[in-house]
Amino acid sequence: MAGLRTRKRQRLIVMILAVAAIAVAAFLIVFAGRQSGSFNLFLQPTEVLQKNMGAGQRFRLGGLVETGSFKRLDDGLTYEFRVTDCAADIPVRFKGMLPSLFREGQGIVSEGAMDSHGVFVAETVLAKHDENYAPPGTMPKNEEACSHPEALTAGQQG
């Protein structure tokens, strides 16, 4: 009978230690991620300007494509536009195929780095879409979206 209690006690101690180790590991992962900022899915233009992101430092830039800023260069594959969060904007240059949802006034997330001239050179561009369906032609214009900034930050933090 004494051996049975010892065996149960050993299992209980092992289980408690295992749960404690998993909890400590989860805490350290979350703590390290918050310190490095890796839980941010993207930075908005205002945050980029506040953090003084250096040339060559990779990050994700998110916001709205500013109305009237989009242009295609002569080579046909290079595009220039401005990304705004309605408080600040950053010029972006991208060479490649743009997603089909890409348009002015639409939310995007792009990955790349700033160059020495303050232009964000994007390697990838992803068009964001709202989870709510809106019939074609009813999407808000850039000015309307800027009057509702909560739409820009939805889903930014992980």
C-alpha atoms as a PDB file:
ATOM      1  CA  MET A   1       0.000   0.000   0.000  1.00  0.00           C
ATOM      2  CA  ALA A   2       2.874   2.391   0.758  1.00  0.00           C
ATOM      3  CA  GLY A   3       4.384   1.751  -2.702  1.00  0.00           C
ATOM      4  CA  LEU A   4       1.139   2.819  -4.388  1.00  0.00           C
ATOM      5  CA  ARG A   5       1.159   6.189  -2.639  1.00  0.00           C
ATOM      6  CA  THR A   6       4.771   6.761  -3.574  1.00  0.00           C
ATOM      7  CA  ARG A   7       4.078   5.994  -7.222  1.00  0.00           C
ATOM      8  CA  LYS A   8       1.089   8.378  -7.347  1.00  0.00           C
ATOM      9  CA  ARG A   9       3.118  11.059  -5.603  1.00  0.00           C
ATOM     10  CA  GLN A  10       5.971  10.670  -8.134  1.00  0.00           C
ATOM     11  CA  ARG A  11       3.548  10.964 -11.062  1.00  0.00           C
ATOM     12  CA  LEU A  12       1.973  14.037  -9.487  1.00  0.00           C
ATOM     13  CA  ILE A  13       5.365  15.662  -8.952  1.00  0.00           C
ATOM     14  CA  VAL A  14       6.426  14.891 -12.551  1.00  0.00           C
ATOM     15  CA  MET A  15       3.162  16.340 -13.909  1.00  0.00           C
ATOM     16  CA  ILE A  16       3.495  19.500 -11.805  1.00  0.00           C
ATOM     17  CA  LEU A  17       7.093  19.989 -12.962  1.00  0.00           C
ATOM     18  CA  ALA A  18       6.103  19.441 -16.610  1.00  0.00           C
ATOM     19  CA  VAL A  19       3.254  21.974 -16.415  1.00  0.00           C
ATOM     20  CA  ALA A  20       5.522  24.478 -14.671  1.00  0.00           C
ATOM     21  CA  ALA A  21       8.237  24.043 -17.337  1.00  0.00           C
ATOM     22  CA  ILE A  22       5.695  24.587 -20.139  1.00  0.00           C
ATOM     23  CA  ALA A  23       4.323  27.688 -18.387  1.00  0.00           C
ATOM     24  CA  VAL A  24       7.827  29.151 -17.947  1.00  0.00           C
ATOM     25  CA  ALA A  25       8.692  28.436 -21.588  1.00  0.00           C
ATOM     26  CA  ALA A  26       5.465  30.083 -22.807  1.00  0.00           C
ATOM     27  CA  PHE A  27       6.129  33.127 -20.620  1.00  0.00           C
ATOM     28  CA  LEU A  28       9.677  33.486 -21.940  1.00  0.00           C
ATOM     29  CA  ILE A  29       8.521  33.237 -25.560  1.00  0.00           C
ATOM     30  CA  VAL A  30       5.855  35.915 -25.055  1.00  0.00           C
ATOM     31  CA  PHE A  31       8.227  38.151 -23.083  1.00  0.00           C
ATOM     32  CA  ALA A  32      10.996  37.887 -25.692  1.00  0.00           C
ATOM     33  CA  GLY A  33       8.539  38.559 -28.511  1.00  0.00           C
ATOM     34  CA  ARG A  34       7.161  41.671 -26.837  1.00  0.00           C
ATOM     35  CA  GLN A  35      10.661  43.025 -26.193  1.00  0.00           C
ATOM     36  CA  SER A  36      11.767  42.633 -29.796  1.00  0.00           C
ATOM     37  CA  GLY A  37       8.480  43.884 -31.219  1.00  0.00           C
ATOM     38  CA  SER A  38       8.022  40.766 -33.324  1.00  0.00           C
ATOM     39  CA  PHE A  39       4.327  40.582 -32.449  1.00  0.00           C
ATOM     40  CA  ASN A  40       3.600  43.658 -34.539  1.00  0.00           C
ATOM     41  CA  LEU A  41       2.326  42.510 -37.875  1.00  0.00           C
ATOM     42  CA  PHE A  42       3.321  45.830 -39.424  1.00  0.00           C
ATOM     43  CA  LEU A  43       4.358  49.381 -38.624  1.00  0.00           C
ATOM     44  CA  GLN A  44       2.278  52.338 -39.737  1.00  0.00           C
ATOM     45  CA  PRO A  45       4.002  55.372 -41.312  1.00  0.00           C
ATOM     46  CA  THR A  46       3.763  57.408 -38.093  1.00  0.00           C
ATOM     47  CA  GLU A  47       5.509  54.630 -36.151  1.00  0.00           C
ATOM     48  CA  VAL A  48       8.215  54.318 -38.815  1.00  0.00           C
ATOM     49  CA  LEU A  49       8.965  58.038 -38.599  1.00  0.00           C
ATOM     50  CA  GLN A  50       8.941  57.971 -34.775  1.00  0.00           C
ATOM     51  CA  LYS A  51      11.347  55.026 -34.641  1.00  0.00           C
ATOM     52  CA  ASN A  52      13.702  56.536 -37.262  1.00  0.00           C
ATOM     53  CA  MET A  53      14.066  53.250 -39.122  1.00  0.00           C
ATOM     54  CA  GLY A  54      17.526  53.214 -40.668  1.00  0.00           C
ATOM     55  CA  ALA A  55      18.383  52.456 -44.275  1.00  0.00           C
ATOM     56  CA  GLY A  56      18.525  48.718 -44.889  1.00  0.00           C
ATOM     57  CA  GLN A  57      16.565  47.766 -41.746  1.00  0.00           C
ATOM     58  CA  ARG A  58      13.828  45.297 -42.766  1.00  0.00           C
ATOM     59  CA  PHE A  59      10.267  45.663 -41.491  1.00  0.00           C
ATOM     60  CA  ARG A  60       6.653  45.518 -42.627  1.00  0.00           C
ATOM     61  CA  LEU A  61       4.891  48.745 -43.544  1.00  0.00           C
ATOM     62  CA  GLY A  62       1.108  48.910 -43.460  1.00  0.00           C
ATOM     63  CA  GLY A  63      -1.515  51.513 -44.190  1.00  0.00           C
ATOM     64  CA  LEU A  64      -3.664  52.901 -47.001  1.00  0.00           C
ATOM     65  CA  VAL A  65      -2.466  53.584 -50.518  1.00  0.00           C
ATOM     66  CA  GLU A  66      -2.841  57.352 -50.743  1.00  0.00           C
ATOM     67  CA  THR A  67      -5.338  58.491 -53.360  1.00  0.00           C
ATOM     68  CA  GLY A  68      -3.648  60.087 -56.362  1.00  0.00           C
ATOM     69  CA  SER A  69      -0.167  58.829 -55.494  1.00  0.00           C
ATOM     70  CA  PHE A  70       0.011  55.651 -57.609  1.00  0.00           C
ATOM     71  CA  LYS A  71       2.107  55.650 -60.792  1.00  0.00           C
ATOM     72  CA  ARG A  72       3.690  53.008 -62.996  1.00  0.00           C
ATOM     73  CA  LEU A  73       7.189  53.740 -64.272  1.00  0.00           C
ATOM     74  CA  ASP A  74       8.273  53.321 -67.891  1.00  0.00           C
ATOM     75  CA  ASP A  75       9.623  49.770 -67.474  1.00  0.00           C
ATOM     76  CA  GLY A  76       6.058  48.571 -66.744  1.00  0.00           C
ATOM     77  CA  LEU A  77       7.016  46.543 -63.672  1.00  0.00           C
ATOM     78  CA  THR A  78       8.065  49.252 -61.229  1.00  0.00           C
ATOM     79  CA  TYR A  79       5.412  51.094 -59.255  1.00  0.00           C
ATOM     80  CA  GLU A  80       5.591  54.084 -56.947  1.00  0.00           C
ATOM     81  CA  PHE A  81       2.918  55.125 -54.460  1.00  0.00           C
ATOM     82  CA  ARG A  82       2.557  56.548 -50.977  1.00  0.00           C
ATOM     83  CA  VAL A  83       1.326  54.637 -47.914  1.00  0.00           C
ATOM     84  CA  THR A  84      -0.502  56.711 -45.309  1.00  0.00           C
ATOM     85  CA  ASP A  85      -2.060  56.265 -41.889  1.00  0.00           C
ATOM     86  CA  CYS A  86      -3.799  59.661 -42.273  1.00  0.00           C
ATOM     87  CA  ALA A  87      -1.224  61.327 -40.000  1.00  0.00           C
ATOM     88  CA  ALA A  88       1.959  60.615 -41.993  1.00  0.00           C
ATOM     89  CA  ASP A  89       2.876  59.038 -45.287  1.00  0.00           C
ATOM     90  CA  ILE A  90       5.874  57.224 -46.745  1.00  0.00           C
ATOM     91  CA  PRO A  91       6.837  56.858 -50.424  1.00  0.00           C
ATOM     92  CA  VAL A  92       7.060  53.238 -51.595  1.00  0.00           C
ATOM     93  CA  ARG A  93       8.738  51.698 -54.647  1.00  0.00           C
ATOM     94  CA  PHE A  94       7.901  48.160 -55.719  1.00  0.00           C
ATOM     95  CA  LYS A  95       9.085  46.126 -58.693  1.00  0.00           C
ATOM     96  CA  GLY A  96       6.975  43.099 -59.531  1.00  0.00           C
ATOM     97  CA  MET A  97       3.375  42.000 -59.853  1.00  0.00           C
ATOM     98  CA  LEU A  98       0.870  43.795 -57.647  1.00  0.00           C
ATOM     99  CA  PRO A  99      -1.987  41.780 -56.094  1.00  0.00           C
ATOM    100  CA  SER A 100      -5.377  42.002 -57.790  1.00  0.00           C
ATOM    101  CA  LEU A 101      -6.945  43.745 -54.759  1.00  0.00           C
ATOM    102  CA  PHE A 102      -4.361  46.553 -54.895  1.00  0.00           C
ATOM    103  CA  ARG A 103      -5.867  49.989 -55.548  1.00  0.00           C
ATOM    104  CA  GLU A 104      -5.739  53.527 -54.214  1.00  0.00           C
ATOM    105  CA  GLY A 105      -7.523  53.908 -50.890  1.00  0.00           C
ATOM    106  CA  GLN A 106      -7.043  50.184 -50.159  1.00  0.00           C
ATOM    107  CA  GLY A 107      -5.126  48.866 -47.154  1.00  0.00           C
ATOM    108  CA  ILE A 108      -1.819  47.123 -47.851  1.00  0.00           C
ATOM    109  CA  VAL A 109       1.046  45.519 -45.971  1.00  0.00           C
ATOM    110  CA  SER A 110       4.439  45.482 -47.654  1.00  0.00           C
ATOM    111  CA  GLU A 111       7.754  44.026 -46.571  1.00  0.00           C
ATOM    112  CA  GLY A 112      11.082  45.614 -47.360  1.00  0.00           C
ATOM    113  CA  ALA A 113      13.473  48.307 -46.131  1.00  0.00           C
ATOM    114  CA  MET A 114      14.050  52.036 -46.319  1.00  0.00           C
ATOM    115  CA  ASP A 115      16.703  53.264 -48.728  1.00  0.00           C
ATOM    116  CA  SER A 116      19.075  56.175 -48.097  1.00  0.00           C
ATOM    117  CA  HIS A 117      16.598  58.635 -49.702  1.00  0.00           C
ATOM    118  CA  GLY A 118      13.732  57.815 -47.320  1.00  0.00           C
ATOM    119  CA  VAL A 119      11.854  55.640 -49.824  1.00  0.00           C
ATOM    120  CA  PHE A 120      10.529  52.275 -48.659  1.00  0.00           C
ATOM    121  CA  VAL A 121      11.706  49.674 -51.194  1.00  0.00           C
ATOM    122  CA  ALA A 122       9.151  46.881 -50.985  1.00  0.00           C
ATOM    123  CA  GLU A 123       9.992  43.294 -51.871  1.00  0.00           C
ATOM    124  CA  THR A 124       6.420  42.076 -51.367  1.00  0.00           C
ATOM    125  CA  VAL A 125       3.067  43.845 -51.358  1.00  0.00           C
ATOM    126  CA  LEU A 126      -0.034  42.255 -49.880  1.00  0.00           C
ATOM    127  CA  ALA A 127      -3.441  43.870 -50.292  1.00  0.00           C
ATOM    128  CA  LYS A 128      -5.528  43.770 -47.142  1.00  0.00           C
ATOM    129  CA  HIS A 129      -9.240  43.274 -47.350  1.00  0.00           C
ATOM    130  CA  ASP A 130     -11.980  43.894 -44.853  1.00  0.00           C
ATOM    131  CA  GLU A 131     -13.671  40.856 -43.369  1.00  0.00           C
ATOM    132  CA  ASN A 132     -17.027  42.504 -44.081  1.00  0.00           C
ATOM    133  CA  TYR A 133     -18.366  42.143 -47.606  1.00  0.00           C
ATOM    134  CA  ALA A 134     -19.042  45.368 -49.452  1.00  0.00           C
ATOM    135  CA  PRO A 135     -20.557  45.351 -52.942  1.00  0.00           C
ATOM    136  CA  PRO A 136     -18.353  46.777 -55.707  1.00  0.00           C
ATOM    137  CA  GLY A 137     -18.400  50.573 -55.838  1.00  0.00           C
ATOM    138  CA  THR A 138     -19.256  51.012 -52.159  1.00  0.00           C
ATOM    139  CA  MET A 139     -15.719  50.990 -50.759  1.00  0.00           C
ATOM    140  CA  PRO A 140     -14.883  54.228 -48.879  1.00  0.00           C
ATOM    141  CA  LYS A 141     -12.566  56.726 -50.468  1.00  0.00           C
ATOM    142  CA  ASN A 142      -9.229  57.469 -48.799  1.00  0.00           C
ATOM    143  CA  GLU A 143     -10.664  60.594 -47.108  1.00  0.00           C
ATOM    144  CA  GLU A 144     -13.559  58.601 -45.625  1.00  0.00           C
ATOM    145  CA  ALA A 145     -11.223  55.872 -44.356  1.00  0.00           C
ATOM    146  CA  CYS A 146      -9.010  58.484 -42.701  1.00  0.00           C
ATOM    147  CA  SER A 147     -12.003  59.813 -40.802  1.00  0.00           C
ATOM    148  CA  HIS A 148     -12.334  56.331 -39.237  1.00  0.00           C
ATOM    149  CA  PRO A 149      -8.751  55.446 -38.162  1.00  0.00           C
ATOM    150  CA  GLU A 150      -9.879  52.400 -36.176  1.00  0.00           C
ATOM    151  CA  ALA A 151     -10.193  50.590 -39.508  1.00  0.00           C
ATOM    152  CA  LEU A 152      -6.461  51.046 -40.067  1.00  0.00           C
ATOM    153  CA  THR A 153      -5.383  49.500 -36.781  1.00  0.00           C
ATOM    154  CA  ALA A 154      -7.794  46.567 -36.776  1.00  0.00           C
ATOM    155  CA  GLY A 155      -5.714  43.415 -36.519  1.00  0.00           C
ATOM    156  CA  GLN A 156      -2.394  45.175 -36.196  1.00  0.00           C
ATOM    157  CA  GLN A 157      -1.385  43.747 -32.825  1.00  0.00           C
ATOM    158  CA  GLY A 158      -1.068  39.998 -32.437  1.00  0.00           C
END
